[in-house]
Amino acid sequence: MTAKDPVCGMDVDTENAQLTSDYQGTTYYFCGRGCKLDFDEDPERYLAPDYEPSM
């Protein structure tokens, strides 16, 4: 199963993902450390309906 990295939009394999964050009861998966750090700093920015992930 895959999930979209909320920061860059890449598909991440949820079974093998090593970088995750839990926010408001939901687990988010990340392609790399930079995306996880950006998300952890300001999750609302990346979860906003008008946010466009940029790869």
N, C-alpha and C. Protein backbone atom coordinates (compact mmCIF):
# COMPACT_ATOMS: atom_id res chain seq x y z
N MET A 1 0.84 -1.17 0.00
CA MET A 1 0.00 0.00 0.00
C MET A 1 0.89 1.24 0.00
N THR A 2 0.44 2.29 -0.67
CA THR A 2 1.21 3.52 -0.70
C THR A 2 0.38 4.68 -0.17
N ALA A 3 1.09 5.71 0.25
CA ALA A 3 0.46 6.95 0.70
C ALA A 3 1.25 8.10 0.08
N LYS A 4 0.61 9.22 -0.10
CA LYS A 4 1.28 10.40 -0.65
C LYS A 4 2.00 11.16 0.46
N ASP A 5 3.26 11.48 0.20
CA ASP A 5 4.00 12.37 1.09
C ASP A 5 3.29 13.72 1.02
N PRO A 6 2.81 14.26 2.14
CA PRO A 6 2.02 15.50 2.08
C PRO A 6 2.85 16.73 1.69
N VAL A 7 4.16 16.64 1.79
CA VAL A 7 5.01 17.79 1.48
C VAL A 7 5.34 17.84 -0.01
N CYS A 8 5.83 16.72 -0.57
CA CYS A 8 6.28 16.73 -1.97
C CYS A 8 5.34 15.99 -2.91
N GLY A 9 4.43 15.19 -2.39
CA GLY A 9 3.47 14.49 -3.24
C GLY A 9 3.93 13.14 -3.75
N MET A 10 5.13 12.70 -3.39
CA MET A 10 5.63 11.39 -3.85
C MET A 10 4.86 10.25 -3.19
N ASP A 11 4.77 9.12 -3.89
CA ASP A 11 4.18 7.93 -3.30
C ASP A 11 5.20 7.26 -2.39
N VAL A 12 4.75 6.87 -1.19
CA VAL A 12 5.61 6.23 -0.20
C VAL A 12 5.01 4.88 0.16
N ASP A 13 5.82 3.84 0.16
CA ASP A 13 5.39 2.49 0.54
C ASP A 13 5.16 2.48 2.05
N THR A 14 3.91 2.34 2.46
CA THR A 14 3.59 2.43 3.89
C THR A 14 4.12 1.25 4.70
N GLU A 15 4.33 0.11 4.06
CA GLU A 15 4.82 -1.06 4.80
C GLU A 15 6.30 -0.93 5.15
N ASN A 16 7.06 -0.22 4.32
CA ASN A 16 8.50 -0.10 4.54
C ASN A 16 8.96 1.30 4.92
N ALA A 17 8.02 2.21 5.09
CA ALA A 17 8.39 3.60 5.40
C ALA A 17 9.05 3.69 6.77
N GLN A 18 10.17 4.39 6.81
CA GLN A 18 10.87 4.58 8.07
C GLN A 18 10.60 5.95 8.67
N LEU A 19 10.06 6.84 7.86
CA LEU A 19 9.79 8.21 8.32
C LEU A 19 8.30 8.47 8.34
N THR A 20 7.76 8.61 9.55
CA THR A 20 6.33 8.87 9.71
C THR A 20 6.14 9.92 10.80
N SER A 21 4.99 10.55 10.77
CA SER A 21 4.57 11.46 11.83
C SER A 21 3.09 11.21 12.08
N ASP A 22 2.71 11.26 13.34
CA ASP A 22 1.30 11.18 13.71
C ASP A 22 0.83 12.58 14.05
N TYR A 23 -0.27 12.98 13.41
CA TYR A 23 -0.81 14.31 13.65
C TYR A 23 -2.33 14.21 13.70
N GLN A 24 -2.89 14.61 14.81
CA GLN A 24 -4.34 14.60 15.03
C GLN A 24 -4.96 13.25 14.67
N GLY A 25 -4.30 12.17 15.10
CA GLY A 25 -4.84 10.83 14.93
C GLY A 25 -4.60 10.19 13.57
N THR A 26 -3.85 10.85 12.70
CA THR A 26 -3.54 10.30 11.38
C THR A 26 -2.04 10.14 11.24
N THR A 27 -1.62 9.04 10.63
CA THR A 27 -0.20 8.82 10.36
C THR A 27 0.11 9.29 8.95
N TYR A 28 1.16 10.09 8.83
CA TYR A 28 1.62 10.60 7.53
C TYR A 28 2.98 9.98 7.24
N TYR A 29 3.23 9.70 5.97
CA TYR A 29 4.44 9.00 5.53
C TYR A 29 5.27 9.93 4.65
N PHE A 30 6.61 9.82 4.78
CA PHE A 30 7.50 10.74 4.09
C PHE A 30 8.57 10.01 3.31
N CYS A 31 8.96 10.62 2.18
CA CYS A 31 9.98 10.04 1.31
C CYS A 31 11.38 10.26 1.87
N GLY A 32 11.56 11.34 2.60
CA GLY A 32 12.88 11.66 3.13
C GLY A 32 12.79 12.54 4.37
N ARG A 33 13.95 12.69 4.99
CA ARG A 33 14.04 13.41 6.26
C ARG A 33 13.60 14.87 6.12
N GLY A 34 13.97 15.51 5.01
CA GLY A 34 13.63 16.91 4.80
C GLY A 34 12.13 17.14 4.79
N CYS A 35 11.40 16.26 4.10
CA CYS A 35 9.94 16.40 4.04
C CYS A 35 9.33 16.20 5.43
N LYS A 36 9.83 15.23 6.18
CA LYS A 36 9.31 14.99 7.53
C LYS A 36 9.57 16.20 8.43
N LEU A 37 10.78 16.75 8.37
CA LEU A 37 11.11 17.90 9.21
C LEU A 37 10.24 19.11 8.86
N ASP A 38 10.03 19.35 7.56
CA ASP A 38 9.17 20.46 7.14
C ASP A 38 7.76 20.26 7.66
N PHE A 39 7.23 19.05 7.53
CA PHE A 39 5.87 18.76 8.00
C PHE A 39 5.77 18.96 9.50
N ASP A 40 6.72 18.40 10.25
CA ASP A 40 6.68 18.48 11.71
C ASP A 40 6.73 19.93 12.20
N GLU A 41 7.39 20.79 11.44
CA GLU A 41 7.51 22.20 11.81
C GLU A 41 6.18 22.94 11.64
N ASP A 42 5.41 22.59 10.60
CA ASP A 42 4.17 23.31 10.31
C ASP A 42 3.17 22.42 9.57
N PRO A 43 2.59 21.42 10.25
CA PRO A 43 1.70 20.47 9.57
C PRO A 43 0.49 21.13 8.90
N GLU A 44 -0.05 22.16 9.51
CA GLU A 44 -1.25 22.80 8.94
C GLU A 44 -0.97 23.38 7.56
N ARG A 45 0.25 23.83 7.32
CA ARG A 45 0.60 24.37 5.99
C ARG A 45 0.42 23.31 4.92
N TYR A 46 0.89 22.09 5.21
CA TYR A 46 0.87 21.01 4.21
C TYR A 46 -0.47 20.30 4.12
N LEU A 47 -1.32 20.50 5.12
CA LEU A 47 -2.64 19.87 5.11
C LEU A 47 -3.73 20.84 4.63
N ALA A 48 -3.37 22.08 4.39
CA ALA A 48 -4.34 23.07 3.92
C ALA A 48 -4.90 22.65 2.56
N PRO A 49 -6.20 22.85 2.35
CA PRO A 49 -6.83 22.43 1.09
C PRO A 49 -6.21 23.06 -0.16
N ASP A 50 -5.63 24.25 -0.02
CA ASP A 50 -5.07 24.94 -1.19
C ASP A 50 -3.56 24.68 -1.37
N TYR A 51 -2.96 23.81 -0.53
CA TYR A 51 -1.53 23.52 -0.67
C TYR A 51 -1.30 22.58 -1.84
N GLU A 52 -0.34 22.95 -2.70
CA GLU A 52 0.02 22.13 -3.85
C GLU A 52 1.40 21.49 -3.61
N PRO A 53 1.47 20.16 -3.44
CA PRO A 53 2.77 19.52 -3.27
C PRO A 53 3.66 19.78 -4.48
N SER A 54 4.94 20.00 -4.23
CA SER A 54 5.86 20.25 -5.34
C SER A 54 7.04 19.29 -5.25
N MET A 55 7.16 18.44 -6.25
CA MET A 55 8.25 17.48 -6.29
C MET A 55 9.47 18.11 -6.91
